[in-house]
Amino acid sequence: MNISDRLSERLSKGHIQAVSAVNNAASSIGSRAFLVGGAIRDIILGREIRDIDIAVECCPQKLLSSSHMESAKVISTSQFETVKAEICGQIIDLSMTRSEKYPNPGVLPEVQLSTIERDLSRRDFTINAFGVHVDPARWGDLIDHHNGLQDLCNKKIRVLHNQSFMDDPTRVFRAA
């Protein structure tokens, strides 16, 4: 499924410029970038977009240090290689695509760089496990390996694996 028309309708010109800038920077260092998270769900539902999350298959700091990102301003960073930055006048959350391993239930995970497919598989619910290609050749192609679109249409909230609430008990609150 391709949602490029919906992206054009729901994203501001500034957001599209920022997403394109991140994609260009990712391409310049041999990486890829994807729109991810709740914004994809909200675009599909026709809701207002509150924030833009972009996952990159590299360290966000490496991406931001590329020549394509000279005007980007880092606002904050987290221990999980997530960076909040101002790019093209827009606030964007950049994260590295990652896999997570929970050494014990309810503790912070150990993370490592991974693929977009593994990254989407670590998320809380199927309706938040979408990715969208942002490179021009595949702009708007939806990645939905967990049937989140079907769950969204059926108004169903479903976790991605049986240990989901054990790994991260705060997911119970996000489901409400």
N, C-alpha and C. Protein backbone atom coordinates (compact mmCIF):
# COMPACT_ATOMS: atom_id res chain seq x y z
N MET A 1 0.85 -1.18 0.00
CA MET A 1 0.00 0.00 0.00
C MET A 1 0.89 1.24 0.00
N ASN A 2 0.48 2.23 -0.73
CA ASN A 2 1.21 3.48 -0.78
C ASN A 2 0.31 4.60 -0.25
N ILE A 3 0.86 5.39 0.69
CA ILE A 3 0.08 6.47 1.30
C ILE A 3 0.65 7.85 0.96
N SER A 4 1.29 7.96 -0.19
CA SER A 4 1.92 9.24 -0.56
C SER A 4 0.90 10.37 -0.64
N ASP A 5 -0.31 10.10 -1.14
CA ASP A 5 -1.33 11.15 -1.19
C ASP A 5 -1.69 11.63 0.21
N ARG A 6 -1.81 10.71 1.13
CA ARG A 6 -2.14 11.08 2.51
C ARG A 6 -1.00 11.85 3.16
N LEU A 7 0.24 11.47 2.84
CA LEU A 7 1.38 12.22 3.37
C LEU A 7 1.33 13.66 2.90
N SER A 8 1.04 13.85 1.62
CA SER A 8 0.96 15.20 1.05
C SER A 8 -0.15 16.02 1.69
N GLU A 9 -1.26 15.36 2.03
CA GLU A 9 -2.40 16.05 2.66
C GLU A 9 -2.13 16.40 4.12
N ARG A 10 -1.49 15.50 4.86
CA ARG A 10 -1.39 15.64 6.31
C ARG A 10 -0.10 16.29 6.80
N LEU A 11 0.98 16.15 6.05
CA LEU A 11 2.25 16.74 6.47
C LEU A 11 2.37 18.16 5.93
N SER A 12 2.90 19.05 6.74
CA SER A 12 3.13 20.41 6.28
C SER A 12 4.31 20.42 5.31
N LYS A 13 4.44 21.52 4.56
CA LYS A 13 5.59 21.65 3.65
C LYS A 13 6.89 21.58 4.44
N GLY A 14 6.89 22.18 5.63
CA GLY A 14 8.08 22.15 6.48
C GLY A 14 8.44 20.74 6.90
N HIS A 15 7.41 19.95 7.25
CA HIS A 15 7.68 18.56 7.62
C HIS A 15 8.24 17.78 6.44
N ILE A 16 7.67 17.99 5.27
CA ILE A 16 8.15 17.27 4.08
C ILE A 16 9.60 17.67 3.77
N GLN A 17 9.92 18.96 3.93
CA GLN A 17 11.30 19.41 3.72
C GLN A 17 12.25 18.75 4.73
N ALA A 18 11.82 18.68 5.99
CA ALA A 18 12.66 18.07 7.02
C ALA A 18 12.87 16.58 6.75
N VAL A 19 11.80 15.88 6.40
CA VAL A 19 11.89 14.45 6.09
C VAL A 19 12.82 14.23 4.90
N SER A 20 12.69 15.06 3.88
CA SER A 20 13.56 14.95 2.70
C SER A 20 15.02 15.22 3.06
N ALA A 21 15.25 16.20 3.92
CA ALA A 21 16.62 16.51 4.34
C ALA A 21 17.24 15.33 5.10
N VAL A 22 16.45 14.71 5.97
CA VAL A 22 16.95 13.54 6.71
C VAL A 22 17.23 12.39 5.74
N ASN A 23 16.33 12.18 4.79
CA ASN A 23 16.55 11.11 3.81
C ASN A 23 17.82 11.37 3.00
N ASN A 24 18.02 12.61 2.56
CA ASN A 24 19.23 12.94 1.79
C ASN A 24 20.49 12.71 2.61
N ALA A 25 20.45 13.10 3.88
CA ALA A 25 21.60 12.89 4.75
C ALA A 25 21.86 11.40 4.95
N ALA A 26 20.78 10.64 5.17
CA ALA A 26 20.93 9.19 5.35
C ALA A 26 21.53 8.55 4.10
N SER A 27 21.01 8.92 2.95
CA SER A 27 21.53 8.37 1.69
C SER A 27 23.00 8.70 1.50
N SER A 28 23.40 9.90 1.90
CA SER A 28 24.78 10.33 1.70
C SER A 28 25.78 9.52 2.52
N ILE A 29 25.30 8.88 3.59
CA ILE A 29 26.20 8.06 4.41
C ILE A 29 25.89 6.56 4.27
N GLY A 30 25.13 6.22 3.23
CA GLY A 30 24.84 4.82 2.96
C GLY A 30 23.79 4.20 3.86
N SER A 31 22.89 5.02 4.37
CA SER A 31 21.86 4.54 5.28
C SER A 31 20.48 4.80 4.69
N ARG A 32 19.46 4.42 5.44
CA ARG A 32 18.08 4.66 5.02
C ARG A 32 17.31 5.31 6.16
N ALA A 33 16.24 6.02 5.81
CA ALA A 33 15.38 6.69 6.79
C ALA A 33 13.93 6.31 6.52
N PHE A 34 13.13 6.28 7.60
CA PHE A 34 11.73 5.88 7.51
C PHE A 34 10.90 6.71 8.48
N LEU A 35 9.72 7.14 8.05
CA LEU A 35 8.75 7.67 9.00
C LEU A 35 8.24 6.49 9.80
N VAL A 36 8.07 6.66 11.11
CA VAL A 36 7.60 5.58 11.97
C VAL A 36 6.66 6.12 13.04
N GLY A 37 6.04 5.21 13.75
CA GLY A 37 5.30 5.56 14.95
C GLY A 37 3.88 6.04 14.74
N GLY A 38 3.40 6.72 15.77
CA GLY A 38 2.01 7.15 15.82
C GLY A 38 1.61 8.10 14.72
N ALA A 39 2.56 8.85 14.17
CA ALA A 39 2.21 9.77 13.08
C ALA A 39 1.66 9.01 11.88
N ILE A 40 2.19 7.83 11.62
CA ILE A 40 1.69 7.03 10.49
C ILE A 40 0.25 6.62 10.76
N ARG A 41 0.00 6.15 11.96
CA ARG A 41 -1.37 5.78 12.35
C ARG A 41 -2.30 6.97 12.18
N ASP A 42 -1.87 8.14 12.65
CA ASP A 42 -2.71 9.33 12.58
C ASP A 42 -2.93 9.79 11.14
N ILE A 43 -1.91 9.66 10.30
CA ILE A 43 -2.07 10.00 8.87
C ILE A 43 -3.12 9.10 8.24
N ILE A 44 -3.04 7.82 8.52
CA ILE A 44 -4.01 6.87 7.95
C ILE A 44 -5.42 7.20 8.43
N LEU A 45 -5.55 7.61 9.69
CA LEU A 45 -6.86 7.94 10.26
C LEU A 45 -7.33 9.35 9.91
N GLY A 46 -6.47 10.15 9.27
CA GLY A 46 -6.83 11.52 8.92
C GLY A 46 -6.80 12.47 10.10
N ARG A 47 -6.05 12.12 11.12
CA ARG A 47 -5.95 12.96 12.32
C ARG A 47 -4.81 13.97 12.19
N GLU A 48 -4.85 14.96 13.07
CA GLU A 48 -3.77 15.94 13.14
C GLU A 48 -2.48 15.26 13.58
N ILE A 49 -1.38 15.65 12.97
CA ILE A 49 -0.08 15.09 13.30
C ILE A 49 0.52 15.91 14.44
N ARG A 50 0.83 15.25 15.53
CA ARG A 50 1.42 15.94 16.68
C ARG A 50 2.93 15.99 16.63
N ASP A 51 3.54 14.90 16.23
CA ASP A 51 5.00 14.88 16.16
C ASP A 51 5.45 13.93 15.05
N ILE A 52 6.65 14.18 14.59
CA ILE A 52 7.21 13.37 13.51
C ILE A 52 8.38 12.57 14.07
N ASP A 53 8.32 11.26 13.88
CA ASP A 53 9.40 10.36 14.28
C ASP A 53 10.01 9.76 13.03
N ILE A 54 11.32 9.83 12.95
CA ILE A 54 12.04 9.23 11.83
C ILE A 54 13.06 8.25 12.40
N ALA A 55 13.02 7.02 11.91
CA ALA A 55 14.01 6.02 12.29
C ALA A 55 15.04 5.94 11.17
N VAL A 56 16.31 5.91 11.56
CA VAL A 56 17.40 5.83 10.59
C VAL A 56 18.24 4.60 10.91
N GLU A 57 18.71 3.94 9.86
CA GLU A 57 19.51 2.73 10.04
C GLU A 57 20.98 3.10 10.27
N CYS A 58 21.19 3.99 11.25
CA CYS A 58 22.52 4.42 11.66
C CYS A 58 22.35 5.19 12.97
N CYS A 59 23.45 5.62 13.53
CA CYS A 59 23.39 6.46 14.73
C CYS A 59 22.91 7.86 14.32
N PRO A 60 21.86 8.38 14.97
CA PRO A 60 21.38 9.72 14.60
C PRO A 60 22.45 10.81 14.69
N GLN A 61 23.36 10.68 15.66
CA GLN A 61 24.43 11.68 15.78
C GLN A 61 25.32 11.68 14.53
N LYS A 62 25.58 10.49 13.99
CA LYS A 62 26.37 10.40 12.75
C LYS A 62 25.63 11.08 11.61
N LEU A 63 24.34 10.84 11.54
CA LEU A 63 23.52 11.46 10.50
C LEU A 63 23.55 12.98 10.62
N LEU A 64 23.39 13.47 11.84
CA LEU A 64 23.35 14.92 12.06
C LEU A 64 24.70 15.59 11.81
N SER A 65 25.77 14.82 11.86
CA SER A 65 27.09 15.41 11.59
C SER A 65 27.45 15.41 10.11
N SER A 66 26.56 14.86 9.27
CA SER A 66 26.83 14.86 7.82
C SER A 66 26.67 16.28 7.27
N SER A 67 27.27 16.52 6.14
CA SER A 67 27.23 17.87 5.54
C SER A 67 25.81 18.29 5.16
N HIS A 68 24.90 17.34 4.96
CA HIS A 68 23.52 17.66 4.61
C HIS A 68 22.72 18.20 5.80
N MET A 69 23.27 18.09 6.99
CA MET A 69 22.53 18.48 8.19
C MET A 69 23.19 19.65 8.92
N GLU A 70 23.93 20.48 8.20
CA GLU A 70 24.67 21.57 8.83
C GLU A 70 23.77 22.52 9.62
N SER A 71 22.56 22.74 9.15
CA SER A 71 21.68 23.70 9.83
C SER A 71 20.83 23.06 10.93
N ALA A 72 20.92 21.75 11.10
CA ALA A 72 20.13 21.08 12.14
C ALA A 72 20.66 21.45 13.52
N LYS A 73 19.74 21.59 14.47
CA LYS A 73 20.12 21.93 15.84
C LYS A 73 19.62 20.84 16.77
N VAL A 74 20.53 20.23 17.51
CA VAL A 74 20.16 19.20 18.48
C VAL A 74 19.53 19.88 19.69
N ILE A 75 18.36 19.40 20.07
CA ILE A 75 17.65 19.93 21.23
C ILE A 75 17.93 19.07 22.45
N SER A 76 17.84 17.75 22.27
CA SER A 76 18.10 16.82 23.38
C SER A 76 18.45 15.45 22.83
N THR A 77 19.08 14.65 23.68
CA THR A 77 19.42 13.27 23.33
C THR A 77 19.01 12.36 24.48
N SER A 78 18.84 11.07 24.16
CA SER A 78 18.52 10.10 25.21
C SER A 78 19.52 8.96 25.18
N GLN A 79 19.45 8.13 26.19
CA GLN A 79 20.37 7.00 26.29
C GLN A 79 20.14 5.94 25.22
N PHE A 80 19.01 6.00 24.53
CA PHE A 80 18.71 4.99 23.52
C PHE A 80 19.00 5.48 22.11
N GLU A 81 19.96 6.42 21.98
CA GLU A 81 20.34 6.93 20.66
C GLU A 81 19.18 7.64 19.97
N THR A 82 18.33 8.30 20.74
CA THR A 82 17.24 9.10 20.18
C THR A 82 17.61 10.57 20.33
N VAL A 83 17.38 11.33 19.27
CA VAL A 83 17.73 12.74 19.27
C VAL A 83 16.51 13.55 18.86
N LYS A 84 16.21 14.57 19.64
CA LYS A 84 15.21 15.56 19.24
C LYS A 84 15.99 16.70 18.61
N ALA A 85 15.63 17.05 17.37
CA ALA A 85 16.39 18.07 16.66
C ALA A 85 15.45 18.99 15.89
N GLU A 86 15.93 20.20 15.67
CA GLU A 86 15.23 21.12 14.78
C GLU A 86 15.87 21.01 13.41
N ILE A 87 15.06 20.59 12.45
CA ILE A 87 15.53 20.39 11.08
C ILE A 87 14.58 21.13 10.15
N CYS A 88 15.11 22.03 9.36
CA CYS A 88 14.29 22.85 8.45
C CYS A 88 13.16 23.54 9.21
N GLY A 89 13.45 23.98 10.42
CA GLY A 89 12.46 24.69 11.22
C GLY A 89 11.43 23.81 11.90
N GLN A 90 11.57 22.49 11.78
CA GLN A 90 10.61 21.55 12.36
C GLN A 90 11.28 20.73 13.46
N ILE A 91 10.53 20.43 14.51
CA ILE A 91 11.04 19.57 15.57
C ILE A 91 10.79 18.12 15.15
N ILE A 92 11.86 17.36 15.06
CA ILE A 92 11.82 15.97 14.60
C ILE A 92 12.50 15.09 15.63
N ASP A 93 11.91 13.93 15.91
CA ASP A 93 12.56 12.93 16.75
C ASP A 93 13.23 11.91 15.84
N LEU A 94 14.54 11.77 16.00
CA LEU A 94 15.32 10.82 15.22
C LEU A 94 15.75 9.68 16.13
N SER A 95 15.54 8.46 15.68
CA SER A 95 16.01 7.31 16.45
C SER A 95 16.72 6.35 15.51
N MET A 96 17.63 5.58 16.09
CA MET A 96 18.25 4.55 15.26
C MET A 96 17.33 3.34 15.25
N THR A 97 17.28 2.68 14.11
CA THR A 97 16.53 1.42 14.07
C THR A 97 17.27 0.46 14.99
N ARG A 98 16.52 -0.20 15.85
CA ARG A 98 17.19 -0.99 16.87
C ARG A 98 16.40 -2.24 17.24
N SER A 99 17.13 -3.15 17.82
CA SER A 99 16.50 -4.30 18.47
C SER A 99 16.68 -4.09 19.97
N GLU A 100 15.81 -4.70 20.74
CA GLU A 100 15.86 -4.57 22.19
C GLU A 100 15.88 -5.95 22.83
N LYS A 101 16.63 -6.04 23.91
CA LYS A 101 16.65 -7.26 24.71
C LYS A 101 16.44 -6.83 26.16
N TYR A 102 15.41 -7.40 26.79
CA TYR A 102 15.13 -7.08 28.18
C TYR A 102 15.78 -8.15 29.06
N PRO A 103 16.85 -7.78 29.81
CA PRO A 103 17.53 -8.77 30.64
C PRO A 103 16.62 -9.32 31.75
N ASN A 104 15.73 -8.47 32.23
CA ASN A 104 14.75 -8.85 33.24
C ASN A 104 13.47 -8.09 32.97
N PRO A 105 12.32 -8.65 33.33
CA PRO A 105 11.05 -7.94 33.12
C PRO A 105 11.03 -6.58 33.83
N GLY A 106 10.54 -5.58 33.13
CA GLY A 106 10.33 -4.26 33.73
C GLY A 106 11.56 -3.39 33.85
N VAL A 107 12.72 -3.85 33.37
CA VAL A 107 13.92 -3.02 33.41
C VAL A 107 14.18 -2.45 32.02
N LEU A 108 15.03 -1.44 31.96
CA LEU A 108 15.34 -0.84 30.66
C LEU A 108 16.03 -1.86 29.76
N PRO A 109 15.72 -1.81 28.49
CA PRO A 109 16.30 -2.80 27.57
C PRO A 109 17.74 -2.47 27.18
N GLU A 110 18.42 -3.51 26.73
CA GLU A 110 19.71 -3.34 26.07
C GLU A 110 19.37 -3.19 24.58
N VAL A 111 19.95 -2.18 23.95
CA VAL A 111 19.61 -1.91 22.54
C VAL A 111 20.84 -2.03 21.66
N GLN A 112 20.60 -2.37 20.41
CA GLN A 112 21.67 -2.36 19.42
C GLN A 112 21.09 -2.03 18.06
N LEU A 113 21.92 -1.46 17.21
CA LEU A 113 21.53 -1.09 15.85
C LEU A 113 21.00 -2.32 15.12
N SER A 114 19.91 -2.13 14.41
CA SER A 114 19.30 -3.23 13.68
C SER A 114 18.62 -2.70 12.41
N THR A 115 17.79 -3.52 11.82
CA THR A 115 17.07 -3.15 10.59
C THR A 115 15.73 -2.52 10.93
N ILE A 116 15.11 -1.92 9.93
CA ILE A 116 13.78 -1.34 10.14
C ILE A 116 12.78 -2.44 10.52
N GLU A 117 12.92 -3.61 9.95
CA GLU A 117 11.99 -4.70 10.25
C GLU A 117 12.07 -5.10 11.72
N ARG A 118 13.28 -5.22 12.25
CA ARG A 118 13.45 -5.57 13.67
C ARG A 118 12.97 -4.42 14.56
N ASP A 119 13.22 -3.19 14.13
CA ASP A 119 12.78 -2.03 14.89
C ASP A 119 11.26 -2.02 15.03
N LEU A 120 10.56 -2.23 13.94
CA LEU A 120 9.10 -2.20 13.99
C LEU A 120 8.56 -3.36 14.83
N SER A 121 9.28 -4.46 14.88
CA SER A 121 8.84 -5.63 15.65
C SER A 121 9.02 -5.45 17.16
N ARG A 122 9.77 -4.45 17.59
CA ARG A 122 9.97 -4.22 19.03
C ARG A 122 8.93 -3.25 19.61
N ARG A 123 8.09 -2.70 18.79
CA ARG A 123 7.17 -1.65 19.24
C ARG A 123 6.03 -2.20 20.07
N ASP A 124 5.23 -1.29 20.63
CA ASP A 124 4.22 -1.70 21.60
C ASP A 124 3.03 -2.43 20.98
N PHE A 125 2.39 -1.83 19.99
CA PHE A 125 1.17 -2.40 19.41
C PHE A 125 1.27 -2.42 17.89
N THR A 126 0.49 -3.29 17.28
CA THR A 126 0.52 -3.40 15.81
C THR A 126 0.16 -2.08 15.15
N ILE A 127 -0.74 -1.30 15.76
CA ILE A 127 -1.16 -0.04 15.15
C ILE A 127 -0.11 1.06 15.27
N ASN A 128 0.98 0.77 15.98
CA ASN A 128 2.11 1.69 16.07
C ASN A 128 3.37 1.11 15.42
N ALA A 129 3.23 -0.03 14.77
CA ALA A 129 4.39 -0.72 14.20
C ALA A 129 4.47 -0.53 12.69
N PHE A 130 4.09 0.65 12.23
CA PHE A 130 4.17 0.99 10.81
C PHE A 130 5.48 1.72 10.52
N GLY A 131 5.94 1.56 9.31
CA GLY A 131 7.02 2.37 8.79
C GLY A 131 6.60 2.84 7.41
N VAL A 132 7.18 3.94 6.97
CA VAL A 132 6.90 4.45 5.63
C VAL A 132 8.23 4.84 4.99
N HIS A 133 8.45 4.36 3.78
CA HIS A 133 9.65 4.73 3.03
C HIS A 133 9.58 6.21 2.68
N VAL A 134 10.72 6.90 2.83
CA VAL A 134 10.76 8.33 2.49
C VAL A 134 11.74 8.65 1.37
N ASP A 135 12.41 7.62 0.83
CA ASP A 135 13.27 7.90 -0.32
C ASP A 135 12.39 8.13 -1.54
N PRO A 136 12.78 8.99 -2.46
CA PRO A 136 11.91 9.34 -3.58
C PRO A 136 11.41 8.15 -4.40
N ALA A 137 12.23 7.12 -4.57
CA ALA A 137 11.82 5.97 -5.38
C ALA A 137 10.68 5.18 -4.75
N ARG A 138 10.57 5.23 -3.42
CA ARG A 138 9.53 4.45 -2.73
C ARG A 138 8.68 5.33 -1.81
N TRP A 139 8.69 6.64 -2.02
CA TRP A 139 7.98 7.59 -1.17
C TRP A 139 6.55 7.13 -0.89
N GLY A 140 6.25 6.97 0.39
CA GLY A 140 4.89 6.63 0.80
C GLY A 140 4.58 5.15 0.89
N ASP A 141 5.51 4.28 0.49
CA ASP A 141 5.25 2.83 0.60
C ASP A 141 5.18 2.44 2.08
N LEU A 142 4.06 1.85 2.45
CA LEU A 142 3.80 1.46 3.84
C LEU A 142 4.47 0.13 4.15
N ILE A 143 5.14 0.07 5.28
CA ILE A 143 5.69 -1.19 5.80
C ILE A 143 4.77 -1.62 6.94
N ASP A 144 4.13 -2.75 6.78
CA ASP A 144 3.16 -3.24 7.77
C ASP A 144 3.27 -4.76 7.88
N HIS A 145 4.32 -5.21 8.55
CA HIS A 145 4.56 -6.65 8.69
C HIS A 145 3.71 -7.30 9.77
N HIS A 146 2.97 -6.51 10.54
CA HIS A 146 2.23 -7.05 11.69
C HIS A 146 0.72 -6.84 11.56
N ASN A 147 0.26 -6.56 10.35
CA ASN A 147 -1.17 -6.37 10.08
C ASN A 147 -1.80 -5.26 10.92
N GLY A 148 -1.03 -4.21 11.16
CA GLY A 148 -1.53 -3.07 11.91
C GLY A 148 -2.66 -2.35 11.20
N LEU A 149 -2.61 -2.29 9.88
CA LEU A 149 -3.66 -1.62 9.12
C LEU A 149 -4.99 -2.34 9.32
N GLN A 150 -4.96 -3.65 9.29
CA GLN A 150 -6.18 -4.43 9.52
C GLN A 150 -6.69 -4.21 10.95
N ASP A 151 -5.78 -4.20 11.93
CA ASP A 151 -6.19 -3.95 13.31
C ASP A 151 -6.75 -2.54 13.47
N LEU A 152 -6.17 -1.58 12.78
CA LEU A 152 -6.66 -0.21 12.83
C LEU A 152 -8.07 -0.13 12.27
N CYS A 153 -8.31 -0.78 11.15
CA CYS A 153 -9.65 -0.80 10.54
C CYS A 153 -10.66 -1.50 11.44
N ASN A 154 -10.21 -2.51 12.16
CA ASN A 154 -11.10 -3.26 13.06
C ASN A 154 -11.16 -2.68 14.47
N LYS A 155 -10.48 -1.54 14.67
CA LYS A 155 -10.43 -0.87 15.98
C LYS A 155 -9.96 -1.83 17.07
N LYS A 156 -8.87 -2.52 16.76
CA LYS A 156 -8.32 -3.54 17.64
C LYS A 156 -6.92 -3.14 18.08
N ILE A 157 -6.66 -3.22 19.39
CA ILE A 157 -5.31 -2.98 19.91
C ILE A 157 -4.72 -4.34 20.25
N ARG A 158 -3.59 -4.64 19.60
CA ARG A 158 -2.96 -5.95 19.78
C ARG A 158 -1.46 -5.77 19.97
N VAL A 159 -0.90 -6.46 20.97
CA VAL A 159 0.54 -6.41 21.20
C VAL A 159 1.24 -7.28 20.17
N LEU A 160 2.54 -7.07 20.05
CA LEU A 160 3.31 -7.80 19.05
C LEU A 160 3.84 -9.15 19.54
N HIS A 161 3.92 -9.32 20.86
CA HIS A 161 4.39 -10.60 21.39
C HIS A 161 3.86 -10.77 22.82
N ASN A 162 3.86 -12.01 23.29
CA ASN A 162 3.25 -12.34 24.58
C ASN A 162 3.94 -11.71 25.78
N GLN A 163 5.21 -11.39 25.68
CA GLN A 163 5.96 -10.80 26.80
C GLN A 163 5.88 -9.27 26.82
N SER A 164 5.10 -8.68 25.96
CA SER A 164 5.09 -7.24 25.78
C SER A 164 4.87 -6.47 27.09
N PHE A 165 3.85 -6.83 27.85
CA PHE A 165 3.56 -6.11 29.09
C PHE A 165 4.55 -6.45 30.19
N MET A 166 5.14 -7.62 30.14
CA MET A 166 6.18 -7.98 31.11
C MET A 166 7.45 -7.16 30.83
N ASP A 167 7.81 -7.05 29.57
CA ASP A 167 8.99 -6.28 29.20
C ASP A 167 8.85 -4.82 29.58
N ASP A 168 7.69 -4.25 29.30
CA ASP A 168 7.47 -2.82 29.54
C ASP A 168 6.05 -2.61 30.06
N PRO A 169 5.88 -2.62 31.39
CA PRO A 169 4.54 -2.48 31.97
C PRO A 169 3.84 -1.17 31.61
N THR A 170 4.58 -0.12 31.22
CA THR A 170 3.93 1.15 30.87
C THR A 170 3.10 1.03 29.60
N ARG A 171 3.27 -0.03 28.86
CA ARG A 171 2.46 -0.24 27.65
C ARG A 171 0.98 -0.37 27.99
N VAL A 172 0.68 -0.82 29.19
CA VAL A 172 -0.71 -0.93 29.62
C VAL A 172 -1.37 0.45 29.56
N PHE A 173 -0.66 1.48 29.99
CA PHE A 173 -1.22 2.84 29.99
C PHE A 173 -1.38 3.37 28.57
N ARG A 174 -0.45 3.03 27.69
CA ARG A 174 -0.54 3.50 26.30
C ARG A 174 -1.69 2.84 25.56
N ALA A 175 -2.10 1.67 26.01
CA ALA A 175 -3.23 0.97 25.38
C ALA A 175 -4.56 1.60 25.75
N ALA A 176 -4.60 2.29 26.88
CA ALA A 176 -5.87 2.85 27.37
C ALA A 176 -6.35 4.01 26.53
